[in-house]
């Protein structure tokens, strides 16, 4: 896979970066992320971002290391922030039972609004939303379940959420 027409040198440079720095980056990311698969995804994202700006890469090994660690730190921070925005599933039955229940009319209306918004998504986007957000599957689990690459799950989830936001705005739920 080449980025531009004559990307052979870029490919060689990325292969060298991957070979030399992957282990170091994985060790760095694992200090912050306990799940090895998630950490590997974040290292891949780090290297992808470096590849996108490979023409700005300094050849000094100390600067390359620093540059990659800076990118990795940003990727980990962004992932952490995204995780904080994502609703958490509660498995504590007494806590769930103690929570105040909205009135049944509100639940019916909310259910109808969500069903209507989901109905506006493509079948592929609906399947990803169901797997990731309703069933609580990880990206890797959803990818296996849906028989698509993990990147496709991430992309579909991103675009599905954007489409849902648009649908809710069109229905007057969000502004």
C-alpha atoms as a PDB file:
ATOM      1  CA  UNK A   1       0.000   0.000   0.000  1.00  0.00           C
ATOM      2  CA  UNK A   2       1.557   3.257  -1.061  1.00  0.00           C
ATOM      3  CA  UNK A   3       0.479   6.671   0.029  1.00  0.00           C
ATOM      4  CA  UNK A   4       1.493   8.489  -3.130  1.00  0.00           C
ATOM      5  CA  UNK A   5       2.602   7.456  -6.572  1.00  0.00           C
ATOM      6  CA  UNK A   6       6.270   6.767  -5.725  1.00  0.00           C
ATOM      7  CA  UNK A   7       5.911   5.799  -2.065  1.00  0.00           C
ATOM      8  CA  UNK A   8       8.538   3.024  -1.952  1.00  0.00           C
ATOM      9  CA  UNK A   9      10.870   5.060   0.285  1.00  0.00           C
ATOM     10  CA  UNK A  10       7.946   5.972   2.553  1.00  0.00           C
ATOM     11  CA  UNK A  11       6.984   2.305   2.871  1.00  0.00           C
ATOM     12  CA  UNK A  12      10.553   1.373   3.758  1.00  0.00           C
ATOM     13  CA  UNK A  13      10.687   4.148   6.347  1.00  0.00           C
ATOM     14  CA  UNK A  14       7.368   3.054   7.895  1.00  0.00           C
ATOM     15  CA  UNK A  15       8.526  -0.560   7.982  1.00  0.00           C
ATOM     16  CA  UNK A  16      11.687   0.553   9.758  1.00  0.00           C
ATOM     17  CA  UNK A  17       9.679   2.691  12.209  1.00  0.00           C
ATOM     18  CA  UNK A  18       7.339  -0.192  12.915  1.00  0.00           C
ATOM     19  CA  UNK A  19      10.181  -2.634  13.407  1.00  0.00           C
ATOM     20  CA  UNK A  20      12.227  -0.346  15.622  1.00  0.00           C
ATOM     21  CA  UNK A  21       9.562   1.441  17.673  1.00  0.00           C
ATOM     22  CA  UNK A  22       6.499  -0.828  17.895  1.00  0.00           C
ATOM     23  CA  UNK A  23       7.656  -2.584  21.077  1.00  0.00           C
ATOM     24  CA  UNK A  24       8.618   0.657  22.770  1.00  0.00           C
ATOM     25  CA  UNK A  25       5.280   2.255  21.848  1.00  0.00           C
ATOM     26  CA  UNK A  26       3.327  -0.787  23.012  1.00  0.00           C
ATOM     27  CA  UNK A  27       5.126  -0.718  26.361  1.00  0.00           C
ATOM     28  CA  UNK A  28       4.367   2.985  26.710  1.00  0.00           C
ATOM     29  CA  UNK A  29       0.679   2.599  25.874  1.00  0.00           C
ATOM     30  CA  UNK A  30       0.291  -0.459  28.137  1.00  0.00           C
ATOM     31  CA  UNK A  31       1.211   1.735  31.110  1.00  0.00           C
ATOM     32  CA  UNK A  32      -2.085   3.544  30.558  1.00  0.00           C
ATOM     33  CA  UNK A  33      -4.291   0.931  28.888  1.00  0.00           C
ATOM     34  CA  UNK A  34      -4.684  -2.466  30.565  1.00  0.00           C
ATOM     35  CA  UNK A  35      -6.274  -4.259  27.602  1.00  0.00           C
ATOM     36  CA  UNK A  36      -3.497  -5.472  25.302  1.00  0.00           C
ATOM     37  CA  UNK A  37      -5.722  -5.544  22.199  1.00  0.00           C
ATOM     38  CA  UNK A  38      -6.851  -1.988  22.845  1.00  0.00           C
ATOM     39  CA  UNK A  39      -3.221  -0.944  23.384  1.00  0.00           C
ATOM     40  CA  UNK A  40      -2.222  -2.551  20.087  1.00  0.00           C
ATOM     41  CA  UNK A  41      -5.018  -0.625  18.338  1.00  0.00           C
ATOM     42  CA  UNK A  42      -3.723   2.620  19.855  1.00  0.00           C
ATOM     43  CA  UNK A  43      -0.160   1.865  18.730  1.00  0.00           C
ATOM     44  CA  UNK A  44      -1.477   1.200  15.219  1.00  0.00           C
ATOM     45  CA  UNK A  45      -3.292   4.551  15.339  1.00  0.00           C
ATOM     46  CA  UNK A  46      -0.057   6.201  16.494  1.00  0.00           C
ATOM     47  CA  UNK A  47       1.902   4.748  13.597  1.00  0.00           C
ATOM     48  CA  UNK A  48      -0.877   5.639  11.160  1.00  0.00           C
ATOM     49  CA  UNK A  49      -0.748   9.265  12.291  1.00  0.00           C
ATOM     50  CA  UNK A  50       3.039   9.263  11.958  1.00  0.00           C
ATOM     51  CA  UNK A  51       2.709   7.823   8.446  1.00  0.00           C
ATOM     52  CA  UNK A  52       0.272  10.567   7.458  1.00  0.00           C
ATOM     53  CA  UNK A  53       2.991  13.136   8.273  1.00  0.00           C
ATOM     54  CA  UNK A  54       6.004  11.069   7.286  1.00  0.00           C
ATOM     55  CA  UNK A  55       7.354  13.847   5.087  1.00  0.00           C
ATOM     56  CA  UNK A  56       7.870  15.947   8.261  1.00  0.00           C
ATOM     57  CA  UNK A  57       9.722  13.194  10.111  1.00  0.00           C
ATOM     58  CA  UNK A  58      13.181  14.075  11.418  1.00  0.00           C
ATOM     59  CA  UNK A  59      15.896  11.471  10.834  1.00  0.00           C
ATOM     60  CA  UNK A  60      17.474  11.938  14.283  1.00  0.00           C
ATOM     61  CA  UNK A  61      16.509   8.780  16.285  1.00  0.00           C
ATOM     62  CA  UNK A  62      16.046  10.739  19.533  1.00  0.00           C
ATOM     63  CA  UNK A  63      13.629  13.109  17.840  1.00  0.00           C
ATOM     64  CA  UNK A  64      11.775  10.267  16.106  1.00  0.00           C
ATOM     65  CA  UNK A  65      11.279   8.547  19.482  1.00  0.00           C
ATOM     66  CA  UNK A  66      10.084  11.776  21.074  1.00  0.00           C
ATOM     67  CA  UNK A  67       7.781  12.492  18.122  1.00  0.00           C
ATOM     68  CA  UNK A  68       6.220   9.014  18.269  1.00  0.00           C
ATOM     69  CA  UNK A  69       5.765   9.187  22.048  1.00  0.00           C
ATOM     70  CA  UNK A  70       4.045  12.549  21.691  1.00  0.00           C
ATOM     71  CA  UNK A  71       1.676  11.109  19.110  1.00  0.00           C
ATOM     72  CA  UNK A  72       1.056   8.048  21.316  1.00  0.00           C
ATOM     73  CA  UNK A  73       0.304  10.271  24.316  1.00  0.00           C
ATOM     74  CA  UNK A  74      -2.212  12.233  22.243  1.00  0.00           C
ATOM     75  CA  UNK A  75      -3.820   9.034  20.924  1.00  0.00           C
ATOM     76  CA  UNK A  76      -4.134   7.599  24.463  1.00  0.00           C
ATOM     77  CA  UNK A  77      -5.549  10.889  25.762  1.00  0.00           C
ATOM     78  CA  UNK A  78      -8.099  11.063  22.951  1.00  0.00           C
ATOM     79  CA  UNK A  79      -9.122   7.442  23.555  1.00  0.00           C
ATOM     80  CA  UNK A  80      -9.510   8.090  27.282  1.00  0.00           C
ATOM     81  CA  UNK A  81     -11.650  11.167  26.640  1.00  0.00           C
ATOM     82  CA  UNK A  82     -13.843   9.255  24.199  1.00  0.00           C
ATOM     83  CA  UNK A  83     -14.256   6.466  26.764  1.00  0.00           C
ATOM     84  CA  UNK A  84     -15.304   8.988  29.425  1.00  0.00           C
ATOM     85  CA  UNK A  85     -18.057  10.299  27.148  1.00  0.00           C
ATOM     86  CA  UNK A  86     -19.377   6.805  26.468  1.00  0.00           C
ATOM     87  CA  UNK A  87     -22.167   5.662  28.806  1.00  0.00           C
ATOM     88  CA  UNK A  88     -21.167   2.937  31.253  1.00  0.00           C
ATOM     89  CA  UNK A  89     -23.169  -0.259  31.665  1.00  0.00           C
ATOM     90  CA  UNK A  90     -24.285  -0.854  35.249  1.00  0.00           C
ATOM     91  CA  UNK A  91     -24.311  -4.439  36.473  1.00  0.00           C
ATOM     92  CA  UNK A  92     -25.133  -3.705  40.119  1.00  0.00           C
ATOM     93  CA  UNK A  93     -28.759  -4.901  40.435  1.00  0.00           C
ATOM     94  CA  UNK A  94     -29.543  -3.026  43.701  1.00  0.00           C
ATOM     95  CA  UNK A  95     -28.246   0.212  42.170  1.00  0.00           C
ATOM     96  CA  UNK A  96     -30.339  -0.320  39.046  1.00  0.00           C
ATOM     97  CA  UNK A  97     -33.431  -1.148  41.122  1.00  0.00           C
ATOM     98  CA  UNK A  98     -32.863   1.901  43.369  1.00  0.00           C
ATOM     99  CA  UNK A  99     -32.661   4.301  40.426  1.00  0.00           C
ATOM    100  CA  UNK A 100     -35.859   6.220  39.887  1.00  0.00           C
ATOM    101  CA  UNK A 101     -37.837   4.887  36.964  1.00  0.00           C
ATOM    102  CA  UNK A 102     -39.177   7.434  34.459  1.00  0.00           C
ATOM    103  CA  UNK A 103     -42.865   7.349  33.917  1.00  0.00           C
ATOM    104  CA  UNK A 104     -44.069   4.816  31.347  1.00  0.00           C
ATOM    105  CA  UNK A 105     -45.238   7.456  28.846  1.00  0.00           C
ATOM    106  CA  UNK A 106     -41.724   8.964  28.790  1.00  0.00           C
ATOM    107  CA  UNK A 107     -40.256   5.522  28.187  1.00  0.00           C
ATOM    108  CA  UNK A 108     -42.684   4.863  25.353  1.00  0.00           C
ATOM    109  CA  UNK A 109     -41.904   8.197  23.697  1.00  0.00           C
ATOM    110  CA  UNK A 110     -38.141   7.740  24.120  1.00  0.00           C
ATOM    111  CA  UNK A 111     -38.390   4.210  22.732  1.00  0.00           C
ATOM    112  CA  UNK A 112     -40.340   5.451  19.738  1.00  0.00           C
ATOM    113  CA  UNK A 113     -37.837   8.264  19.092  1.00  0.00           C
ATOM    114  CA  UNK A 114     -34.867   5.915  19.289  1.00  0.00           C
ATOM    115  CA  UNK A 115     -36.583   3.319  17.076  1.00  0.00           C
ATOM    116  CA  UNK A 116     -37.447   6.029  14.548  1.00  0.00           C
ATOM    117  CA  UNK A 117     -33.865   7.356  14.520  1.00  0.00           C
ATOM    118  CA  UNK A 118     -32.397   3.847  14.242  1.00  0.00           C
ATOM    119  CA  UNK A 119     -34.790   3.133  11.370  1.00  0.00           C
ATOM    120  CA  UNK A 120     -33.149   5.936   9.422  1.00  0.00           C
ATOM    121  CA  UNK A 121     -29.741   4.179   9.568  1.00  0.00           C
ATOM    122  CA  UNK A 122     -28.498   1.630   7.066  1.00  0.00           C
ATOM    123  CA  UNK A 123     -28.660  -2.010   8.162  1.00  0.00           C
ATOM    124  CA  UNK A 124     -24.853  -2.076   8.558  1.00  0.00           C
ATOM    125  CA  UNK A 125     -24.836   0.984  10.816  1.00  0.00           C
ATOM    126  CA  UNK A 126     -27.769  -0.363  12.868  1.00  0.00           C
ATOM    127  CA  UNK A 127     -25.936  -3.662  13.396  1.00  0.00           C
ATOM    128  CA  UNK A 128     -22.831  -1.853  14.688  1.00  0.00           C
ATOM    129  CA  UNK A 129     -24.892   0.380  16.996  1.00  0.00           C
ATOM    130  CA  UNK A 130     -26.701  -2.657  18.363  1.00  0.00           C
ATOM    131  CA  UNK A 131     -23.472  -4.615  18.932  1.00  0.00           C
ATOM    132  CA  UNK A 132     -21.350  -1.818  20.409  1.00  0.00           C
ATOM    133  CA  UNK A 133     -23.831   0.377  22.266  1.00  0.00           C
ATOM    134  CA  UNK A 134     -26.717  -1.934  23.187  1.00  0.00           C
ATOM    135  CA  UNK A 135     -24.909  -5.243  23.648  1.00  0.00           C
ATOM    136  CA  UNK A 136     -21.769  -3.581  25.042  1.00  0.00           C
ATOM    137  CA  UNK A 137     -19.384  -5.473  22.774  1.00  0.00           C
ATOM    138  CA  UNK A 138     -15.850  -4.247  22.218  1.00  0.00           C
ATOM    139  CA  UNK A 139     -14.798  -3.250  18.719  1.00  0.00           C
ATOM    140  CA  UNK A 140     -12.966  -6.563  18.327  1.00  0.00           C
ATOM    141  CA  UNK A 141     -15.996  -8.574  19.482  1.00  0.00           C
ATOM    142  CA  UNK A 142     -18.343  -6.627  17.224  1.00  0.00           C
ATOM    143  CA  UNK A 143     -15.973  -7.125  14.279  1.00  0.00           C
ATOM    144  CA  UNK A 144     -15.952 -10.883  14.854  1.00  0.00           C
ATOM    145  CA  UNK A 145     -19.738 -10.995  15.277  1.00  0.00           C
ATOM    146  CA  UNK A 146     -20.366  -8.957  12.123  1.00  0.00           C
ATOM    147  CA  UNK A 147     -17.518 -10.546  10.111  1.00  0.00           C
ATOM    148  CA  UNK A 148     -15.937  -7.210   9.225  1.00  0.00           C
ATOM    149  CA  UNK A 149     -12.553  -5.645  10.067  1.00  0.00           C
ATOM    150  CA  UNK A 150     -12.237  -3.681  13.315  1.00  0.00           C
ATOM    151  CA  UNK A 151     -11.583  -0.476  11.391  1.00  0.00           C
ATOM    152  CA  UNK A 152     -14.906  -0.928   9.608  1.00  0.00           C
ATOM    153  CA  UNK A 153     -16.686  -1.261  12.968  1.00  0.00           C
ATOM    154  CA  UNK A 154     -15.014   1.935  14.210  1.00  0.00           C
ATOM    155  CA  UNK A 155     -15.898   3.810  11.038  1.00  0.00           C
ATOM    156  CA  UNK A 156     -19.501   2.591  10.987  1.00  0.00           C
ATOM    157  CA  UNK A 157     -19.943   3.444  14.675  1.00  0.00           C
ATOM    158  CA  UNK A 158     -18.600   6.951  14.088  1.00  0.00           C
ATOM    159  CA  UNK A 159     -20.840   7.600  11.092  1.00  0.00           C
ATOM    160  CA  UNK A 160     -23.853   5.929  12.739  1.00  0.00           C
ATOM    161  CA  UNK A 161     -23.602   8.246  15.749  1.00  0.00           C
ATOM    162  CA  UNK A 162     -23.358  11.247  13.433  1.00  0.00           C
ATOM    163  CA  UNK A 163     -26.404  10.024  11.488  1.00  0.00           C
ATOM    164  CA  UNK A 164     -28.333   9.453  14.729  1.00  0.00           C
ATOM    165  CA  UNK A 165     -27.496  12.968  15.893  1.00  0.00           C
ATOM    166  CA  UNK A 166     -28.770  14.333  12.577  1.00  0.00           C
ATOM    167  CA  UNK A 167     -31.931  12.215  12.828  1.00  0.00           C
ATOM    168  CA  UNK A 168     -32.608  13.458  16.374  1.00  0.00           C
ATOM    169  CA  UNK A 169     -32.049  17.043  15.232  1.00  0.00           C
ATOM    170  CA  UNK A 170     -34.481  16.560  12.346  1.00  0.00           C
ATOM    171  CA  UNK A 171     -37.046  15.116  14.777  1.00  0.00           C
ATOM    172  CA  UNK A 172     -36.611  18.135  17.042  1.00  0.00           C
ATOM    173  CA  UNK A 173     -35.093  16.159  19.934  1.00  0.00           C
ATOM    174  CA  UNK A 174     -31.687  17.861  19.754  1.00  0.00           C
ATOM    175  CA  UNK A 175     -30.676  21.340  18.695  1.00  0.00           C
END
